[in-house]
Every structure is written in C-alpha cells, then in structure tokens.
Amino acid sequence: MSLPHELHFLLDRSGALIAFQTTGASWAAVLAFSSEARAQEFVRQSKLDAAEIAAINTGDADAVGELVRSVKRRAIRNLLLDLDYATGRGIAIDFLGDALGPERACQLAAPSKVVQ
C-alpha cells in the first residue's frame, strides 16, 4: 500500500492526537486513517469520544516532519493506519528520522486500549 494523499487523525476535546496502545506495551502508535469515513467508522465501532478529525497532506514534508517530531516526544513509535477496531488489522508505518518510513501489515491482539 502506498500512503494516501491525506492522513486523518482523531483529536480529543483538548485538541491532542489520540494514540493506540497495545496492552503491556511501553509505546503507543498514533492513529491515522486514509479517509474521514474510515476515521468516523473507527470512532463508531470503538465508542471513542473523539471531538474532531484533522487531516494533513502526506506530500507536505514540513507538516509530516513536525507531526513526527511532536509525537516522538510522547513515546509514540509509529503511525497505525486504518486500524480496524473489530479485527485489529491495520498498517504500521514506522518513523524514519522525521519522516514516515516503511509500511507493514500488522495484526494487534486484544485487548488493547486507546490512549490520549
């Protein structure tokens, strides 16, 4: 899969990005979706109290770099794209410096939790 033109992120009521942490893991992944519809479906399935959905253009290297630098400070190791809440399937995209790096299919084991 190649990166979508835009990444859609879930934000909490304070405007912070919402991350996903597998139970027992010391790190988290920032949730991102390839479309607003996918983000809304995740919110519906997970019953998450997300306040808003924000998007960035994946072609904007400065915006992507700023995002990666800001989330790395919060013990966030990668981006989890199009996580299906029901099945735990998604695409993990590691950070490579201040950019998005390699993509790989991932299967999360339950239980997991959404963190802010």
C-alpha atoms as a PDB file:
ATOM      1  CA  MET A   1       0.000   0.000   0.000  1.00  0.00           C
ATOM      2  CA  SER A   2       1.248   3.470  -0.751  1.00  0.00           C
ATOM      3  CA  LEU A   3       0.491   6.399   1.508  1.00  0.00           C
ATOM      4  CA  PRO A   4      -2.825   8.126   0.879  1.00  0.00           C
ATOM      5  CA  HIS A   5      -2.832  11.773  -0.224  1.00  0.00           C
ATOM      6  CA  GLU A   6      -4.090  12.794   3.218  1.00  0.00           C
ATOM      7  CA  LEU A   7      -3.868  11.322   6.695  1.00  0.00           C
ATOM      8  CA  HIS A   8      -6.848  11.867   9.003  1.00  0.00           C
ATOM      9  CA  PHE A   9      -6.183  11.979  12.744  1.00  0.00           C
ATOM     10  CA  LEU A  10      -8.546  11.753  15.704  1.00  0.00           C
ATOM     11  CA  LEU A  11      -8.307  14.552  18.258  1.00  0.00           C
ATOM     12  CA  ASP A  12      -9.620  14.634  21.810  1.00  0.00           C
ATOM     13  CA  ARG A  13     -11.532  17.555  23.327  1.00  0.00           C
ATOM     14  CA  SER A  14      -8.287  19.395  24.164  1.00  0.00           C
ATOM     15  CA  GLY A  15      -7.034  19.059  20.572  1.00  0.00           C
ATOM     16  CA  ALA A  16      -4.453  16.346  21.329  1.00  0.00           C
ATOM     17  CA  LEU A  17      -3.864  13.468  18.934  1.00  0.00           C
ATOM     18  CA  ILE A  18      -5.372  10.174  20.038  1.00  0.00           C
ATOM     19  CA  ALA A  19      -2.972   7.231  20.172  1.00  0.00           C
ATOM     20  CA  PHE A  20      -3.437   3.474  20.482  1.00  0.00           C
ATOM     21  CA  GLN A  21      -1.512   1.319  22.936  1.00  0.00           C
ATOM     22  CA  THR A  22      -1.414  -2.472  22.980  1.00  0.00           C
ATOM     23  CA  THR A  23      -1.829  -3.849  26.497  1.00  0.00           C
ATOM     24  CA  GLY A  24       1.571  -4.358  28.112  1.00  0.00           C
ATOM     25  CA  ALA A  25       3.446  -2.273  25.542  1.00  0.00           C
ATOM     26  CA  SER A  26       5.601   0.634  26.712  1.00  0.00           C
ATOM     27  CA  TRP A  27       4.974   2.507  23.467  1.00  0.00           C
ATOM     28  CA  ALA A  28       1.932   3.682  21.552  1.00  0.00           C
ATOM     29  CA  ALA A  29       1.047   4.397  17.933  1.00  0.00           C
ATOM     30  CA  VAL A  30      -0.740   7.487  16.699  1.00  0.00           C
ATOM     31  CA  LEU A  31      -3.995   6.572  14.950  1.00  0.00           C
ATOM     32  CA  ALA A  32      -4.389   7.759  11.363  1.00  0.00           C
ATOM     33  CA  PHE A  33      -6.873   6.944   8.643  1.00  0.00           C
ATOM     34  CA  SER A  34      -6.784   7.178   4.864  1.00  0.00           C
ATOM     35  CA  SER A  35     -10.180   8.895   4.781  1.00  0.00           C
ATOM     36  CA  GLU A  36     -12.526  10.771   7.063  1.00  0.00           C
ATOM     37  CA  ALA A  37     -15.084   7.980   6.583  1.00  0.00           C
ATOM     38  CA  ARG A  38     -12.634   5.381   7.945  1.00  0.00           C
ATOM     39  CA  ALA A  39     -11.878   7.604  10.927  1.00  0.00           C
ATOM     40  CA  GLN A  40     -15.586   8.022  11.638  1.00  0.00           C
ATOM     41  CA  GLU A  41     -16.123   4.257  11.387  1.00  0.00           C
ATOM     42  CA  PHE A  42     -13.353   3.635  13.942  1.00  0.00           C
ATOM     43  CA  VAL A  43     -14.968   6.149  16.312  1.00  0.00           C
ATOM     44  CA  ARG A  44     -18.348   4.447  15.852  1.00  0.00           C
ATOM     45  CA  GLN A  45     -17.002   0.927  16.459  1.00  0.00           C
ATOM     46  CA  SER A  46     -14.783   1.847  19.400  1.00  0.00           C
ATOM     47  CA  LYS A  47     -17.292   4.226  21.001  1.00  0.00           C
ATOM     48  CA  LEU A  48     -14.359   6.621  21.378  1.00  0.00           C
ATOM     49  CA  ASP A  49     -15.168  10.142  22.486  1.00  0.00           C
ATOM     50  CA  ALA A  50     -13.206  11.871  19.724  1.00  0.00           C
ATOM     51  CA  ALA A  51     -14.001  15.537  19.363  1.00  0.00           C
ATOM     52  CA  GLU A  52     -12.742  16.137  15.852  1.00  0.00           C
ATOM     53  CA  ILE A  53     -10.884  14.767  12.849  1.00  0.00           C
ATOM     54  CA  ALA A  54      -7.924  16.705  11.428  1.00  0.00           C
ATOM     55  CA  ALA A  55      -6.011  15.966   8.231  1.00  0.00           C
ATOM     56  CA  ILE A  56      -2.555  16.658   6.844  1.00  0.00           C
ATOM     57  CA  ASN A  57      -1.296  16.269   3.303  1.00  0.00           C
ATOM     58  CA  THR A  58       1.292  13.481   3.098  1.00  0.00           C
ATOM     59  CA  GLY A  59       3.106  15.423   0.365  1.00  0.00           C
ATOM     60  CA  ASP A  60       3.840  18.274   2.788  1.00  0.00           C
ATOM     61  CA  ALA A  61       7.215  17.143   4.148  1.00  0.00           C
ATOM     62  CA  ASP A  62       7.358  20.016   6.668  1.00  0.00           C
ATOM     63  CA  ALA A  63       3.948  19.161   8.173  1.00  0.00           C
ATOM     64  CA  VAL A  64       4.760  15.444   8.310  1.00  0.00           C
ATOM     65  CA  GLY A  65       8.152  16.189   9.891  1.00  0.00           C
ATOM     66  CA  GLU A  66       6.579  18.421  12.527  1.00  0.00           C
ATOM     67  CA  LEU A  67       3.999  15.743  13.319  1.00  0.00           C
ATOM     68  CA  VAL A  68       6.642  13.008  13.686  1.00  0.00           C
ATOM     69  CA  ARG A  69       8.855  15.182  15.907  1.00  0.00           C
ATOM     70  CA  SER A  70       5.934  16.104  18.164  1.00  0.00           C
ATOM     71  CA  VAL A  71       4.634  12.563  18.698  1.00  0.00           C
ATOM     72  CA  LYS A  72       8.065  11.008  19.245  1.00  0.00           C
ATOM     73  CA  ARG A  73       8.315  13.043  22.459  1.00  0.00           C
ATOM     74  CA  ARG A  74       5.230  11.183  23.756  1.00  0.00           C
ATOM     75  CA  ALA A  75       6.726   7.662  23.435  1.00  0.00           C
ATOM     76  CA  ILE A  76       4.882   7.134  20.175  1.00  0.00           C
ATOM     77  CA  ARG A  77       6.897   4.829  17.962  1.00  0.00           C
ATOM     78  CA  ASN A  78       4.884   4.686  14.773  1.00  0.00           C
ATOM     79  CA  LEU A  79       1.686   5.510  12.955  1.00  0.00           C
ATOM     80  CA  LEU A  80      -1.124   2.981  12.823  1.00  0.00           C
ATOM     81  CA  LEU A  81      -3.042   3.459   9.582  1.00  0.00           C
ATOM     82  CA  ASP A  82      -6.636   2.345   9.056  1.00  0.00           C
ATOM     83  CA  LEU A  83      -6.879   0.265  12.232  1.00  0.00           C
ATOM     84  CA  ASP A  84      -9.999  -1.888  12.101  1.00  0.00           C
ATOM     85  CA  TYR A  85     -11.282  -1.877  15.664  1.00  0.00           C
ATOM     86  CA  ALA A  86     -13.207  -5.128  15.246  1.00  0.00           C
ATOM     87  CA  THR A  87     -10.390  -7.231  13.790  1.00  0.00           C
ATOM     88  CA  GLY A  88      -7.227  -5.457  14.998  1.00  0.00           C
ATOM     89  CA  ARG A  89      -5.851  -5.313  11.451  1.00  0.00           C
ATOM     90  CA  GLY A  90      -4.055  -2.215  10.253  1.00  0.00           C
ATOM     91  CA  ILE A  91      -0.882  -0.931   8.683  1.00  0.00           C
ATOM     92  CA  ALA A  92       2.036   0.105  10.870  1.00  0.00           C
ATOM     93  CA  ILE A  93       4.205   2.867   9.449  1.00  0.00           C
ATOM     94  CA  ASP A  94       7.460   3.344  11.309  1.00  0.00           C
ATOM     95  CA  PHE A  95       9.130   6.706  11.688  1.00  0.00           C
ATOM     96  CA  LEU A  96      12.388   7.151   9.807  1.00  0.00           C
ATOM     97  CA  GLY A  97      14.054  10.217  11.267  1.00  0.00           C
ATOM     98  CA  ASP A  98      11.467  12.966  10.932  1.00  0.00           C
ATOM     99  CA  ALA A  99       9.579  11.236   8.127  1.00  0.00           C
ATOM    100  CA  LEU A 100       7.267   8.302   7.581  1.00  0.00           C
ATOM    101  CA  GLY A 101       9.228   5.160   6.828  1.00  0.00           C
ATOM    102  CA  PRO A 102       8.422   1.602   5.816  1.00  0.00           C
ATOM    103  CA  GLU A 103       4.889   0.231   5.930  1.00  0.00           C
ATOM    104  CA  ARG A 104       3.924  -3.238   7.081  1.00  0.00           C
ATOM    105  CA  ALA A 105       0.694  -5.061   7.722  1.00  0.00           C
ATOM    106  CA  CYS A 106       0.021  -5.629  11.389  1.00  0.00           C
ATOM    107  CA  GLN A 107      -2.404  -7.629  13.476  1.00  0.00           C
ATOM    108  CA  LEU A 108      -2.993  -6.398  17.000  1.00  0.00           C
ATOM    109  CA  ALA A 109      -4.044  -8.822  19.692  1.00  0.00           C
ATOM    110  CA  ALA A 110      -6.865  -7.858  22.016  1.00  0.00           C
ATOM    111  CA  PRO A 111      -7.236  -6.403  24.491  1.00  0.00           C
ATOM    112  CA  SER A 112      -5.791  -3.051  23.579  1.00  0.00           C
ATOM    113  CA  LYS A 113      -6.730   0.458  24.528  1.00  0.00           C
ATOM    114  CA  VAL A 114      -6.980   3.911  23.101  1.00  0.00           C
ATOM    115  CA  VAL A 115      -4.875   6.467  24.995  1.00  0.00           C
ATOM    116  CA  GLN A 116      -4.615  10.215  24.829  1.00  0.00           C
END
